[in-house]
Amino acid sequence: MLESIKKSNNTNELHYNLGNTYYKKGYYDKAIEEYKAAKGVDEASRQYNLGNSYFKQGNYDEAIKHFNESLKHKDDPAARNNLELAKKEKKKKKNKKQNKNQKKNDQKKKQNKDQKNKQNKDQKKNDQKKSDKKNQQDKNQNGQKKQDDKQKGQQKKSDQKKKNDQQKEGDKKKEDQKKKGDKSKGGKEKKPQDKKGDKSAAAGTPKKQKMSKEEKLKQAELKRLLKKMGGKKAPTMMYQMGSGKPKRDQDIKPW
């Protein structure tokens, strides 16, 4: 190779030979530069080598392009074969890229789904906590309400019992007082009192009363009868008919 390069008097051939050297060494970038600068040599070979250099880089679009250019100048089976290989590799690369992108998208979807599931799970957990807390609060409130109602009921019963006891005690006192009063009445009954006028009669002491004119006449007549009878005492009934002796200074004229 070096001998061919040294013998190359043409600059284009020199670039072409350098390109072949770099290609064999695996320096495809430098090989491509030299092949592009080697215009004027066999165009079919130059395009073919450019196609091979791009194929080695994995740039299948450029490889296909240069293989087609080579076939325009010469129908070479090697160029045609490499063209088909470049197309297949391009399709394979495209599918691989699509698969990679699909896999990446699937992975991303899976991550999003997992994240969403996690969020839903956390939300459900938080909702459950809130529900449990609310249920506990309601339970505590109901328990407190029942306890308050129970205390109120007990207090009400206690108040009612106290009231009933007071009522019974009051009724008992009234009953005792009534029995005591009945006993007192039964042991010592009060005698009926006489009227004021009857008191003096019951005692046997006549009460002086103002005499009417008729009574005065009767008294004078009685006195006259007593004198006529010689001072004899009259029966008790005679005294009871009158109410007393007439006064001396009264001018009595019985007849």
C-alpha atoms as a PDB file:
ATOM      1  CA  MET A   1       0.000   0.000   0.000  1.00  0.00           C
ATOM      2  CA  LEU A   2       2.762   2.379   0.895  1.00  0.00           C
ATOM      3  CA  GLU A   3       4.569   1.466  -2.328  1.00  0.00           C
ATOM      4  CA  SER A   4       1.478   2.309  -4.347  1.00  0.00           C
ATOM      5  CA  ILE A   5       1.170   5.612  -2.549  1.00  0.00           C
ATOM      6  CA  LYS A   6       4.844   6.439  -3.233  1.00  0.00           C
ATOM      7  CA  LYS A   7       4.464   5.542  -6.930  1.00  0.00           C
ATOM      8  CA  SER A   8       1.306   7.727  -7.203  1.00  0.00           C
ATOM      9  CA  ASN A   9       2.261  10.790  -9.192  1.00  0.00           C
ATOM     10  CA  ASN A  10      -1.387  11.917  -9.516  1.00  0.00           C
ATOM     11  CA  THR A  11      -2.784  13.791  -6.524  1.00  0.00           C
ATOM     12  CA  ASN A  12      -6.216  12.211  -7.008  1.00  0.00           C
ATOM     13  CA  GLU A  13      -4.724   8.754  -6.969  1.00  0.00           C
ATOM     14  CA  LEU A  14      -2.762   9.737  -3.860  1.00  0.00           C
ATOM     15  CA  HIS A  15      -5.992  10.660  -2.041  1.00  0.00           C
ATOM     16  CA  TYR A  16      -7.689   7.511  -3.242  1.00  0.00           C
ATOM     17  CA  ASN A  17      -4.832   5.316  -2.005  1.00  0.00           C
ATOM     18  CA  LEU A  18      -4.769   7.136   1.356  1.00  0.00           C
ATOM     19  CA  GLY A  19      -8.486   6.539   1.615  1.00  0.00           C
ATOM     20  CA  ASN A  20      -7.954   2.815   1.071  1.00  0.00           C
ATOM     21  CA  THR A  21      -5.266   2.815   3.766  1.00  0.00           C
ATOM     22  CA  TYR A  22      -7.447   4.577   6.316  1.00  0.00           C
ATOM     23  CA  TYR A  23     -10.374   2.261   5.465  1.00  0.00           C
ATOM     24  CA  LYS A  24      -8.273  -0.857   6.137  1.00  0.00           C
ATOM     25  CA  LYS A  25      -7.076   0.654   9.438  1.00  0.00           C
ATOM     26  CA  GLY A  26     -10.675   1.387  10.457  1.00  0.00           C
ATOM     27  CA  TYR A  27     -10.348   5.174  10.265  1.00  0.00           C
ATOM     28  CA  TYR A  28     -13.549   5.591   8.304  1.00  0.00           C
ATOM     29  CA  ASP A  29     -13.875   9.343   8.846  1.00  0.00           C
ATOM     30  CA  LYS A  30     -10.419  10.001   7.336  1.00  0.00           C
ATOM     31  CA  ALA A  31     -11.043   7.458   4.586  1.00  0.00           C
ATOM     32  CA  ILE A  32     -14.227   9.312   3.602  1.00  0.00           C
ATOM     33  CA  GLU A  33     -12.298  12.614   3.475  1.00  0.00           C
ATOM     34  CA  GLU A  34      -9.654  11.139   1.183  1.00  0.00           C
ATOM     35  CA  TYR A  35     -12.229   9.442  -1.098  1.00  0.00           C
ATOM     36  CA  LYS A  36     -14.100  12.712  -1.487  1.00  0.00           C
ATOM     37  CA  ALA A  37     -10.828  14.464  -2.431  1.00  0.00           C
ATOM     38  CA  ALA A  38      -9.934  11.780  -4.967  1.00  0.00           C
ATOM     39  CA  LYS A  39     -12.150  13.090  -7.756  1.00  0.00           C
ATOM     40  CA  GLY A  40     -10.887  12.117 -11.165  1.00  0.00           C
ATOM     41  CA  VAL A  41     -10.089   8.490 -10.423  1.00  0.00           C
ATOM     42  CA  ASP A  42     -12.425   5.646 -11.374  1.00  0.00           C
ATOM     43  CA  GLU A  43     -15.762   7.072 -10.255  1.00  0.00           C
ATOM     44  CA  ALA A  44     -17.477   3.715  -9.827  1.00  0.00           C
ATOM     45  CA  SER A  45     -14.716   2.536  -7.460  1.00  0.00           C
ATOM     46  CA  ARG A  46     -14.595   5.849  -5.573  1.00  0.00           C
ATOM     47  CA  GLN A  47     -18.387   5.842  -4.980  1.00  0.00           C
ATOM     48  CA  TYR A  48     -18.312   2.173  -4.047  1.00  0.00           C
ATOM     49  CA  ASN A  49     -15.566   2.782  -1.423  1.00  0.00           C
ATOM     50  CA  LEU A  50     -17.473   5.789  -0.063  1.00  0.00           C
ATOM     51  CA  GLY A  51     -20.548   3.560   0.256  1.00  0.00           C
ATOM     52  CA  ASN A  52     -18.541   0.941   2.139  1.00  0.00           C
ATOM     53  CA  SER A  53     -17.053   3.575   4.501  1.00  0.00           C
ATOM     54  CA  TYR A  54     -20.521   4.954   5.377  1.00  0.00           C
ATOM     55  CA  PHE A  55     -21.829   1.397   5.752  1.00  0.00           C
ATOM     56  CA  LYS A  56     -19.116   0.683   8.329  1.00  0.00           C
ATOM     57  CA  GLN A  57     -20.160   3.824  10.265  1.00  0.00           C
ATOM     58  CA  GLY A  58     -23.764   2.662  10.294  1.00  0.00           C
ATOM     59  CA  ASN A  59     -24.862   5.599   8.154  1.00  0.00           C
ATOM     60  CA  TYR A  60     -27.021   3.490   5.826  1.00  0.00           C
ATOM     61  CA  ASP A  61     -28.707   6.379   4.068  1.00  0.00           C
ATOM     62  CA  GLU A  62     -25.364   7.726   2.786  1.00  0.00           C
ATOM     63  CA  ALA A  63     -24.185   4.218   2.002  1.00  0.00           C
ATOM     64  CA  ILE A  64     -27.281   3.544  -0.138  1.00  0.00           C
ATOM     65  CA  LYS A  65     -26.777   6.878  -1.871  1.00  0.00           C
ATOM     66  CA  HIS A  66     -23.170   6.138  -2.863  1.00  0.00           C
ATOM     67  CA  PHE A  67     -23.879   2.516  -3.858  1.00  0.00           C
ATOM     68  CA  ASN A  68     -26.539   3.787  -6.243  1.00  0.00           C
ATOM     69  CA  GLU A  69     -24.041   6.327  -7.660  1.00  0.00           C
ATOM     70  CA  SER A  70     -21.499   3.562  -8.183  1.00  0.00           C
ATOM     71  CA  LEU A  71     -24.094   1.413 -10.049  1.00  0.00           C
ATOM     72  CA  LYS A  72     -24.833   4.343 -12.349  1.00  0.00           C
ATOM     73  CA  HIS A  73     -21.251   4.195 -13.573  1.00  0.00           C
ATOM     74  CA  LYS A  74     -20.836   0.418 -13.494  1.00  0.00           C
ATOM     75  CA  ASP A  75     -23.212  -2.460 -12.891  1.00  0.00           C
ATOM     76  CA  ASP A  76     -21.123  -4.247 -10.321  1.00  0.00           C
ATOM     77  CA  PRO A  77     -22.543  -7.297  -8.460  1.00  0.00           C
ATOM     78  CA  ALA A  78     -20.574  -6.379  -5.328  1.00  0.00           C
ATOM     79  CA  ALA A  79     -22.049  -2.857  -5.315  1.00  0.00           C
ATOM     80  CA  ARG A  80     -25.567  -4.262  -5.890  1.00  0.00           C
ATOM     81  CA  ASN A  81     -25.135  -6.791  -3.071  1.00  0.00           C
ATOM     82  CA  ASN A  82     -23.847  -4.122  -0.671  1.00  0.00           C
ATOM     83  CA  LEU A  83     -26.788  -1.883  -1.633  1.00  0.00           C
ATOM     84  CA  GLU A  84     -29.276  -4.585  -0.591  1.00  0.00           C
ATOM     85  CA  LEU A  85     -27.370  -5.151   2.630  1.00  0.00           C
ATOM     86  CA  ALA A  86     -27.471  -1.415   3.383  1.00  0.00           C
ATOM     87  CA  LYS A  87     -31.227  -1.336   2.821  1.00  0.00           C
ATOM     88  CA  LYS A  88     -31.762  -4.330   5.094  1.00  0.00           C
ATOM     89  CA  GLU A  89     -29.573  -2.839   7.817  1.00  0.00           C
ATOM     90  CA  LYS A  90     -31.391   0.469   7.492  1.00  0.00           C
ATOM     91  CA  LYS A  91     -34.743  -1.290   7.952  1.00  0.00           C
ATOM     92  CA  LYS A  92     -33.358  -3.332  10.822  1.00  0.00           C
ATOM     93  CA  LYS A  93     -31.972  -0.209  12.456  1.00  0.00           C
ATOM     94  CA  LYS A  94     -35.286   1.568  11.977  1.00  0.00           C
ATOM     95  CA  ASN A  95     -37.183  -1.349  13.500  1.00  0.00           C
ATOM     96  CA  LYS A  96     -34.700  -1.530  16.320  1.00  0.00           C
ATOM     97  CA  LYS A  97     -35.080   2.175  16.924  1.00  0.00           C
ATOM     98  CA  GLN A  98     -38.856   1.860  16.812  1.00  0.00           C
ATOM     99  CA  ASN A  99     -38.725  -1.080  19.171  1.00  0.00           C
ATOM    100  CA  LYS A 100     -36.443   0.864  21.428  1.00  0.00           C
ATOM    101  CA  ASN A 101     -38.743   3.854  21.322  1.00  0.00           C
ATOM    102  CA  GLN A 102     -41.729   1.580  21.830  1.00  0.00           C
ATOM    103  CA  LYS A 103     -40.020  -0.071  24.730  1.00  0.00           C
ATOM    104  CA  LYS A 104     -39.119   3.304  26.107  1.00  0.00           C
ATOM    105  CA  ASN A 105     -42.696   4.501  25.686  1.00  0.00           C
ATOM    106  CA  ASP A 106     -44.003   1.311  27.261  1.00  0.00           C
ATOM    107  CA  GLN A 107     -41.629   1.774  30.131  1.00  0.00           C
ATOM    108  CA  LYS A 108     -42.737   5.349  30.503  1.00  0.00           C
ATOM    109  CA  LYS A 109     -46.395   4.312  30.393  1.00  0.00           C
ATOM    110  CA  LYS A 110     -45.701   1.635  32.958  1.00  0.00           C
ATOM    111  CA  GLN A 111     -43.974   4.167  35.189  1.00  0.00           C
ATOM    112  CA  ASN A 112     -46.882   6.576  34.772  1.00  0.00           C
ATOM    113  CA  LYS A 113     -49.332   3.782  35.502  1.00  0.00           C
ATOM    114  CA  ASP A 114     -47.361   2.706  38.549  1.00  0.00           C
ATOM    115  CA  GLN A 115     -47.183   6.305  39.708  1.00  0.00           C
ATOM    116  CA  LYS A 116     -50.894   6.743  39.180  1.00  0.00           C
ATOM    117  CA  ASN A 117     -51.628   3.474  40.983  1.00  0.00           C
ATOM    118  CA  LYS A 118     -49.405   4.602  43.826  1.00  0.00           C
ATOM    119  CA  GLN A 119     -51.197   7.955  43.977  1.00  0.00           C
ATOM    120  CA  ASN A 120     -54.575   6.205  43.902  1.00  0.00           C
ATOM    121  CA  LYS A 121     -53.405   3.826  46.601  1.00  0.00           C
ATOM    122  CA  ASP A 122     -52.137   6.706  48.729  1.00  0.00           C
ATOM    123  CA  GLN A 123     -55.362   8.626  48.108  1.00  0.00           C
ATOM    124  CA  LYS A 124     -57.414   5.579  49.031  1.00  0.00           C
ATOM    125  CA  LYS A 125     -55.316   5.137  52.139  1.00  0.00           C
ATOM    126  CA  ASN A 126     -55.795   8.798  53.090  1.00  0.00           C
ATOM    127  CA  ASP A 127     -59.521   8.539  52.408  1.00  0.00           C
ATOM    128  CA  GLN A 128     -59.683   5.430  54.577  1.00  0.00           C
ATOM    129  CA  LYS A 129     -57.835   7.253  57.355  1.00  0.00           C
ATOM    130  CA  LYS A 130     -60.242  10.184  57.108  1.00  0.00           C
ATOM    131  CA  SER A 131     -63.205   7.804  57.085  1.00  0.00           C
ATOM    132  CA  ASP A 132     -61.857   5.915  60.103  1.00  0.00           C
ATOM    133  CA  LYS A 133     -61.205   9.186  61.918  1.00  0.00           C
ATOM    134  CA  LYS A 134     -64.702  10.446  61.148  1.00  0.00           C
ATOM    135  CA  ASN A 135     -66.249   7.136  62.217  1.00  0.00           C
ATOM    136  CA  GLN A 136     -64.290   7.266  65.462  1.00  0.00           C
ATOM    137  CA  GLN A 137     -65.411  10.858  66.069  1.00  0.00           C
ATOM    138  CA  ASP A 138     -69.026   9.897  65.360  1.00  0.00           C
ATOM    139  CA  LYS A 139     -68.656   6.904  67.658  1.00  0.00           C
ATOM    140  CA  ASN A 140     -67.209   9.095  70.405  1.00  0.00           C
ATOM    141  CA  GLN A 141     -69.985  11.668  69.938  1.00  0.00           C
ATOM    142  CA  ASN A 142     -72.655   8.963  70.024  1.00  0.00           C
ATOM    143  CA  GLY A 143     -71.062   7.454  73.121  1.00  0.00           C
ATOM    144  CA  GLN A 144     -70.911  10.866  74.786  1.00  0.00           C
ATOM    145  CA  LYS A 145     -74.527  11.555  73.785  1.00  0.00           C
ATOM    146  CA  LYS A 146     -75.646   8.201  75.208  1.00  0.00           C
ATOM    147  CA  GLN A 147     -73.727   8.907  78.399  1.00  0.00           C
ATOM    148  CA  ASP A 148     -75.273  12.387  78.652  1.00  0.00           C
ATOM    149  CA  ASP A 149     -78.742  10.985  77.974  1.00  0.00           C
ATOM    150  CA  LYS A 150     -78.147   8.297  80.587  1.00  0.00           C
ATOM    151  CA  GLN A 151     -77.019  10.890  83.148  1.00  0.00           C
ATOM    152  CA  LYS A 152     -80.021  13.087  82.308  1.00  0.00           C
ATOM    153  CA  GLY A 153     -82.339  10.087  82.683  1.00  0.00           C
ATOM    154  CA  GLN A 154     -80.774   9.164  86.008  1.00  0.00           C
ATOM    155  CA  GLN A 155     -80.987  12.777  87.183  1.00  0.00           C
ATOM    156  CA  LYS A 156     -84.609  12.937  86.075  1.00  0.00           C
ATOM    157  CA  LYS A 157     -85.417   9.722  87.930  1.00  0.00           C
ATOM    158  CA  SER A 158     -83.583  11.000  90.995  1.00  0.00           C
ATOM    159  CA  ASP A 159     -85.478  14.311  90.876  1.00  0.00           C
ATOM    160  CA  GLN A 160     -88.781  12.493  90.391  1.00  0.00           C
ATOM    161  CA  LYS A 161     -88.017  10.122  93.267  1.00  0.00           C
ATOM    162  CA  LYS A 162     -87.073  13.056  95.474  1.00  0.00           C
ATOM    163  CA  LYS A 163     -90.264  14.822  94.523  1.00  0.00           C
ATOM    164  CA  ASN A 164     -92.324  11.701  95.205  1.00  0.00           C
ATOM    165  CA  ASP A 165     -90.587  11.235  98.551  1.00  0.00           C
ATOM    166  CA  GLN A 166     -91.305  14.842  99.477  1.00  0.00           C
ATOM    167  CA  GLN A 167     -94.912  14.387  98.381  1.00  0.00           C
ATOM    168  CA  LYS A 168     -95.239  11.219 100.453  1.00  0.00           C
ATOM    169  CA  GLU A 169     -93.622  12.897 103.425  1.00  0.00           C
ATOM    170  CA  GLY A 170     -96.021  15.853 103.110  1.00  0.00           C
ATOM    171  CA  ASP A 171     -99.013  13.515 102.796  1.00  0.00           C
ATOM    172  CA  LYS A 172     -97.798  11.553 105.804  1.00  0.00           C
ATOM    173  CA  LYS A 173     -97.459  14.727 107.878  1.00  0.00           C
ATOM    174  CA  LYS A 174    -100.957  15.798 106.886  1.00  0.00           C
ATOM    175  CA  GLU A 175    -102.289  12.353 107.764  1.00  0.00           C
ATOM    176  CA  ASP A 176    -100.511  12.415 111.131  1.00  0.00           C
ATOM    177  CA  GLN A 177    -101.868  15.875 111.891  1.00  0.00           C
ATOM    178  CA  LYS A 178    -105.351  14.745 110.895  1.00  0.00           C
ATOM    179  CA  LYS A 179    -105.139  11.668 113.118  1.00  0.00           C
ATOM    180  CA  LYS A 180    -103.813  13.772 115.974  1.00  0.00           C
ATOM    181  CA  GLY A 181    -106.693  16.218 115.584  1.00  0.00           C
ATOM    182  CA  ASP A 182    -109.284  13.423 115.451  1.00  0.00           C
ATOM    183  CA  LYS A 183    -107.773  11.852 118.576  1.00  0.00           C
ATOM    184  CA  SER A 184    -107.876  15.183 120.422  1.00  0.00           C
ATOM    185  CA  LYS A 185    -111.524  15.683 119.475  1.00  0.00           C
ATOM    186  CA  GLY A 186    -112.446  12.148 120.498  1.00  0.00           C
ATOM    187  CA  GLY A 187    -110.737  12.407 123.933  1.00  0.00           C
ATOM    188  CA  LYS A 188    -112.180  15.756 124.963  1.00  0.00           C
ATOM    189  CA  GLU A 189    -115.367  16.905 123.325  1.00  0.00           C
ATOM    190  CA  LYS A 190    -116.415  20.467 124.052  1.00  0.00           C
ATOM    191  CA  LYS A 191    -119.782  20.930 125.682  1.00  0.00           C
ATOM    192  CA  PRO A 192    -122.139  23.189 123.838  1.00  0.00           C
ATOM    193  CA  GLN A 193    -122.212  26.632 125.367  1.00  0.00           C
ATOM    194  CA  ASP A 194    -125.481  28.194 126.446  1.00  0.00           C
ATOM    195  CA  LYS A 195    -126.586  31.437 125.025  1.00  0.00           C
ATOM    196  CA  LYS A 196    -125.879  34.509 127.049  1.00  0.00           C
ATOM    197  CA  GLY A 197    -129.487  34.660 128.136  1.00  0.00           C
ATOM    198  CA  ASP A 198    -129.503  30.957 129.081  1.00  0.00           C
ATOM    199  CA  LYS A 199    -126.331  31.203 131.242  1.00  0.00           C
ATOM    200  CA  SER A 200    -127.995  33.255 133.953  1.00  0.00           C
ATOM    201  CA  ALA A 201    -131.056  30.983 133.983  1.00  0.00           C
ATOM    202  CA  ALA A 202    -128.903  27.845 134.241  1.00  0.00           C
ATOM    203  CA  ALA A 203    -126.990  29.380 137.126  1.00  0.00           C
ATOM    204  CA  GLY A 204    -130.237  30.246 138.931  1.00  0.00           C
ATOM    205  CA  THR A 205    -129.491  33.904 138.981  1.00  0.00           C
ATOM    206  CA  PRO A 206    -132.134  36.014 137.285  1.00  0.00           C
ATOM    207  CA  LYS A 207    -130.783  38.711 135.115  1.00  0.00           C
ATOM    208  CA  LYS A 208    -132.296  42.139 135.467  1.00  0.00           C
ATOM    209  CA  GLN A 209    -133.949  43.288 132.375  1.00  0.00           C
ATOM    210  CA  LYS A 210    -135.816  46.390 131.479  1.00  0.00           C
ATOM    211  CA  MET A 211    -139.515  45.758 132.020  1.00  0.00           C
ATOM    212  CA  SER A 212    -142.145  46.715 129.607  1.00  0.00           C
ATOM    213  CA  LYS A 213    -145.252  48.584 130.710  1.00  0.00           C
ATOM    214  CA  GLU A 214    -147.269  45.391 130.750  1.00  0.00           C
ATOM    215  CA  GLU A 215    -144.662  43.652 132.884  1.00  0.00           C
ATOM    216  CA  LYS A 216    -144.659  46.549 135.286  1.00  0.00           C
ATOM    217  CA  LEU A 217    -148.443  46.294 135.689  1.00  0.00           C
ATOM    218  CA  LYS A 218    -148.149  42.594 136.355  1.00  0.00           C
ATOM    219  CA  GLN A 219    -145.482  43.246 138.982  1.00  0.00           C
ATOM    220  CA  ALA A 220    -147.666  45.774 140.790  1.00  0.00           C
ATOM    221  CA  GLU A 221    -150.559  43.387 140.790  1.00  0.00           C
ATOM    222  CA  LEU A 222    -148.393  40.671 142.249  1.00  0.00           C
ATOM    223  CA  LYS A 223    -147.251  42.975 144.995  1.00  0.00           C
ATOM    224  CA  ARG A 224    -150.794  43.877 145.868  1.00  0.00           C
ATOM    225  CA  LEU A 225    -151.767  40.218 146.043  1.00  0.00           C
ATOM    226  CA  LEU A 226    -148.854  39.500 148.333  1.00  0.00           C
ATOM    227  CA  LYS A 227    -149.945  42.229 150.742  1.00  0.00           C
ATOM    228  CA  LYS A 228    -153.474  40.935 150.616  1.00  0.00           C
ATOM    229  CA  MET A 229    -152.291  37.448 151.431  1.00  0.00           C
ATOM    230  CA  GLY A 230    -150.609  38.786 154.537  1.00  0.00           C
ATOM    231  CA  GLY A 231    -147.050  38.669 153.417  1.00  0.00           C
ATOM    232  CA  LYS A 232    -147.101  34.954 152.539  1.00  0.00           C
ATOM    233  CA  LYS A 233    -144.531  33.761 150.153  1.00  0.00           C
ATOM    234  CA  ALA A 234    -145.722  32.931 146.736  1.00  0.00           C
ATOM    235  CA  PRO A 235    -144.783  29.706 145.009  1.00  0.00           C
ATOM    236  CA  THR A 236    -141.547  29.668 143.124  1.00  0.00           C
ATOM    237  CA  MET A 237    -143.437  29.716 139.909  1.00  0.00           C
ATOM    238  CA  MET A 238    -144.922  33.091 140.835  1.00  0.00           C
ATOM    239  CA  TYR A 239    -141.453  34.530 141.024  1.00  0.00           C
ATOM    240  CA  GLN A 240    -140.520  32.998 137.772  1.00  0.00           C
ATOM    241  CA  MET A 241    -143.321  34.774 136.056  1.00  0.00           C
ATOM    242  CA  GLY A 242    -141.869  38.131 136.964  1.00  0.00           C
ATOM    243  CA  SER A 243    -138.472  39.572 136.411  1.00  0.00           C
ATOM    244  CA  GLY A 244    -138.096  41.451 139.782  1.00  0.00           C
ATOM    245  CA  LYS A 245    -139.677  43.884 142.226  1.00  0.00           C
ATOM    246  CA  PRO A 246    -140.844  47.200 140.949  1.00  0.00           C
ATOM    247  CA  LYS A 247    -139.019  50.271 141.918  1.00  0.00           C
ATOM    248  CA  ARG A 248    -140.394  52.359 144.771  1.00  0.00           C
ATOM    249  CA  ASP A 249    -140.468  55.649 143.037  1.00  0.00           C
ATOM    250  CA  GLN A 250    -142.579  54.293 140.168  1.00  0.00           C
ATOM    251  CA  ASP A 251    -146.191  55.415 140.334  1.00  0.00           C
ATOM    252  CA  ILE A 252    -147.993  52.176 139.693  1.00  0.00           C
ATOM    253  CA  LYS A 253    -151.716  52.062 139.341  1.00  0.00           C
ATOM    254  CA  PRO A 254    -152.637  48.427 138.596  1.00  0.00           C
ATOM    255  CA  TRP A 255    -156.373  49.020 138.577  1.00  0.00           C
END
